[in-house]
Amino acid sequence: GRLTLDAHGIFYGGDLEPSLRIEGVRRGSMLAMDGTGALVPTTAYTMANLQLEIRILDVRAFFVFDNFTNIRTAADLPGRFLPGSKLYYGLRWTFRN
């Protein structure tokens, strides 16, 4: 399941628009095949993600931090762990005629 907290605002006549999203992701235990083909239970995990985006006029700056709690034991398949924290950011500029 997922639980999300969003905060969003528009200021200065629409010229400034910040958005913040904090997300909790939980996956319970399930049966999955291991390397021999046998069904084994996986462990449940909970991780958190963070996203911040700020729009000023036509420029958007974004910052995304996946698994910011750095849960290193999360695995959807036995013995195959999900990547740890992932951080990416950037700018997007929209040109209009």
C-alpha atoms as a PDB file:
ATOM      1  CA  GLY A   1       0.000   0.000   0.000  1.00  0.00           C
ATOM      2  CA  ARG A   2       0.898   3.642  -0.285  1.00  0.00           C
ATOM      3  CA  LEU A   3       0.295   6.623   1.923  1.00  0.00           C
ATOM      4  CA  THR A   4       1.007  10.084   0.530  1.00  0.00           C
ATOM      5  CA  LEU A   5       1.101  13.534   2.081  1.00  0.00           C
ATOM      6  CA  ASP A   6       0.958  16.354  -0.481  1.00  0.00           C
ATOM      7  CA  ALA A   7       1.398  20.089   0.081  1.00  0.00           C
ATOM      8  CA  HIS A   8       0.867  22.525  -2.773  1.00  0.00           C
ATOM      9  CA  GLY A   9       0.530  26.273  -3.007  1.00  0.00           C
ATOM     10  CA  ILE A  10       0.274  29.067  -5.564  1.00  0.00           C
ATOM     11  CA  PHE A  11       1.708  32.482  -4.698  1.00  0.00           C
ATOM     12  CA  TYR A  12       2.435  35.877  -6.299  1.00  0.00           C
ATOM     13  CA  GLY A  13      -0.394  35.702  -8.804  1.00  0.00           C
ATOM     14  CA  GLY A  14       0.561  32.218 -10.017  1.00  0.00           C
ATOM     15  CA  ASP A  15       4.256  32.980 -10.613  1.00  0.00           C
ATOM     16  CA  LEU A  16       5.479  30.780  -7.732  1.00  0.00           C
ATOM     17  CA  GLU A  17       4.181  27.240  -7.231  1.00  0.00           C
ATOM     18  CA  PRO A  18       5.946  24.961  -4.715  1.00  0.00           C
ATOM     19  CA  SER A  19       4.871  21.312  -4.274  1.00  0.00           C
ATOM     20  CA  LEU A  20       6.048  18.819  -1.654  1.00  0.00           C
ATOM     21  CA  ARG A  21       5.181  15.112  -1.604  1.00  0.00           C
ATOM     22  CA  ILE A  22       6.162  12.601   1.075  1.00  0.00           C
ATOM     23  CA  GLU A  23       5.216   9.025   0.312  1.00  0.00           C
ATOM     24  CA  GLY A  24       5.358   5.845   2.367  1.00  0.00           C
ATOM     25  CA  VAL A  25       5.397   2.559   0.440  1.00  0.00           C
ATOM     26  CA  ARG A  26       4.721  -0.781   2.122  1.00  0.00           C
ATOM     27  CA  ARG A  27       4.809  -4.228   0.620  1.00  0.00           C
ATOM     28  CA  GLY A  28       3.869  -7.208   2.716  1.00  0.00           C
ATOM     29  CA  SER A  29       5.356 -10.661   2.595  1.00  0.00           C
ATOM     30  CA  MET A  30       4.623 -12.836  -0.440  1.00  0.00           C
ATOM     31  CA  LEU A  31       5.685 -16.155  -1.927  1.00  0.00           C
ATOM     32  CA  ALA A  32       8.275 -15.897  -4.689  1.00  0.00           C
ATOM     33  CA  MET A  33      10.459 -18.415  -6.501  1.00  0.00           C
ATOM     34  CA  ASP A  34      14.086 -18.649  -5.528  1.00  0.00           C
ATOM     35  CA  GLY A  35      16.914 -19.810  -7.820  1.00  0.00           C
ATOM     36  CA  THR A  36      15.868 -23.466  -7.523  1.00  0.00           C
ATOM     37  CA  GLY A  37      12.214 -22.842  -8.384  1.00  0.00           C
ATOM     38  CA  ALA A  38      10.956 -23.402  -4.845  1.00  0.00           C
ATOM     39  CA  LEU A  39       8.442 -20.943  -3.370  1.00  0.00           C
ATOM     40  CA  VAL A  40       9.869 -19.099  -0.394  1.00  0.00           C
ATOM     41  CA  PRO A  41       8.384 -16.163   1.537  1.00  0.00           C
ATOM     42  CA  THR A  42       9.911 -12.721   1.066  1.00  0.00           C
ATOM     43  CA  THR A  43      10.187 -10.256   3.924  1.00  0.00           C
ATOM     44  CA  ALA A  44       7.878  -7.281   4.167  1.00  0.00           C
ATOM     45  CA  TYR A  45       9.349  -3.793   3.816  1.00  0.00           C
ATOM     46  CA  THR A  46       8.376  -0.168   4.219  1.00  0.00           C
ATOM     47  CA  MET A  47      10.259   2.698   2.591  1.00  0.00           C
ATOM     48  CA  ALA A  48       9.751   6.438   2.168  1.00  0.00           C
ATOM     49  CA  ASN A  49      10.135   8.744  -0.835  1.00  0.00           C
ATOM     50  CA  LEU A  50      10.393  12.529  -1.003  1.00  0.00           C
ATOM     51  CA  GLN A  51       9.685  14.862  -3.929  1.00  0.00           C
ATOM     52  CA  LEU A  52      10.003  18.646  -4.049  1.00  0.00           C
ATOM     53  CA  GLU A  53       9.148  20.750  -7.094  1.00  0.00           C
ATOM     54  CA  ILE A  54       9.230  24.529  -7.385  1.00  0.00           C
ATOM     55  CA  ARG A  55       7.852  26.356 -10.416  1.00  0.00           C
ATOM     56  CA  ILE A  56       8.824  29.978 -10.993  1.00  0.00           C
ATOM     57  CA  LEU A  57       7.152  31.372 -14.119  1.00  0.00           C
ATOM     58  CA  ASP A  58       7.996  28.755 -16.799  1.00  0.00           C
ATOM     59  CA  VAL A  59      10.969  27.118 -15.022  1.00  0.00           C
ATOM     60  CA  ARG A  60      10.511  24.024 -12.852  1.00  0.00           C
ATOM     61  CA  ALA A  61      13.222  22.821 -10.475  1.00  0.00           C
ATOM     62  CA  PHE A  62      12.695  19.355  -9.043  1.00  0.00           C
ATOM     63  CA  PHE A  63      14.358  17.183  -6.443  1.00  0.00           C
ATOM     64  CA  VAL A  64      13.399  13.505  -5.986  1.00  0.00           C
ATOM     65  CA  PHE A  65      14.809  11.315  -3.219  1.00  0.00           C
ATOM     66  CA  ASP A  66      13.589   7.701  -3.461  1.00  0.00           C
ATOM     67  CA  ASN A  67      14.022   5.435  -0.432  1.00  0.00           C
ATOM     68  CA  PHE A  68      15.439   8.292   1.641  1.00  0.00           C
ATOM     69  CA  THR A  69      15.292   6.079   4.750  1.00  0.00           C
ATOM     70  CA  ASN A  70      17.881   3.862   2.977  1.00  0.00           C
ATOM     71  CA  ILE A  71      16.171   0.515   3.621  1.00  0.00           C
ATOM     72  CA  ARG A  72      18.766  -1.944   2.263  1.00  0.00           C
ATOM     73  CA  THR A  73      16.920  -5.191   3.036  1.00  0.00           C
ATOM     74  CA  ALA A  74      13.942  -4.633   0.717  1.00  0.00           C
ATOM     75  CA  ALA A  75      13.640  -7.422  -1.858  1.00  0.00           C
ATOM     76  CA  ASP A  76      10.861  -8.443  -4.239  1.00  0.00           C
ATOM     77  CA  LEU A  77      12.724 -11.647  -5.108  1.00  0.00           C
ATOM     78  CA  PRO A  78      14.715 -13.718  -2.604  1.00  0.00           C
ATOM     79  CA  GLY A  79      18.373 -12.701  -2.677  1.00  0.00           C
ATOM     80  CA  ARG A  80      17.742  -9.788  -5.096  1.00  0.00           C
ATOM     81  CA  PHE A  81      17.725  -6.607  -3.027  1.00  0.00           C
ATOM     82  CA  LEU A  82      16.238  -3.381  -4.339  1.00  0.00           C
ATOM     83  CA  PRO A  83      18.636  -0.462  -4.831  1.00  0.00           C
ATOM     84  CA  GLY A  84      19.272   1.770  -1.848  1.00  0.00           C
ATOM     85  CA  SER A  85      18.624   5.491  -1.864  1.00  0.00           C
ATOM     86  CA  LYS A  86      18.362   7.212  -5.213  1.00  0.00           C
ATOM     87  CA  LEU A  87      18.580  10.976  -5.642  1.00  0.00           C
ATOM     88  CA  TYR A  88      17.989  12.897  -8.828  1.00  0.00           C
ATOM     89  CA  TYR A  89      17.251  16.510  -9.591  1.00  0.00           C
ATOM     90  CA  GLY A  90      16.937  18.834 -12.536  1.00  0.00           C
ATOM     91  CA  LEU A  91      15.445  21.834 -14.270  1.00  0.00           C
ATOM     92  CA  ARG A  92      12.785  21.980 -16.921  1.00  0.00           C
ATOM     93  CA  TRP A  93      12.101  25.121 -18.875  1.00  0.00           C
ATOM     94  CA  THR A  94       8.965  25.417 -21.007  1.00  0.00           C
ATOM     95  CA  PHE A  95       9.154  27.776 -23.985  1.00  0.00           C
ATOM     96  CA  ARG A  96       5.913  29.175 -25.366  1.00  0.00           C
ATOM     97  CA  ASN A  97       5.262  31.205 -28.490  1.00  0.00           C
END
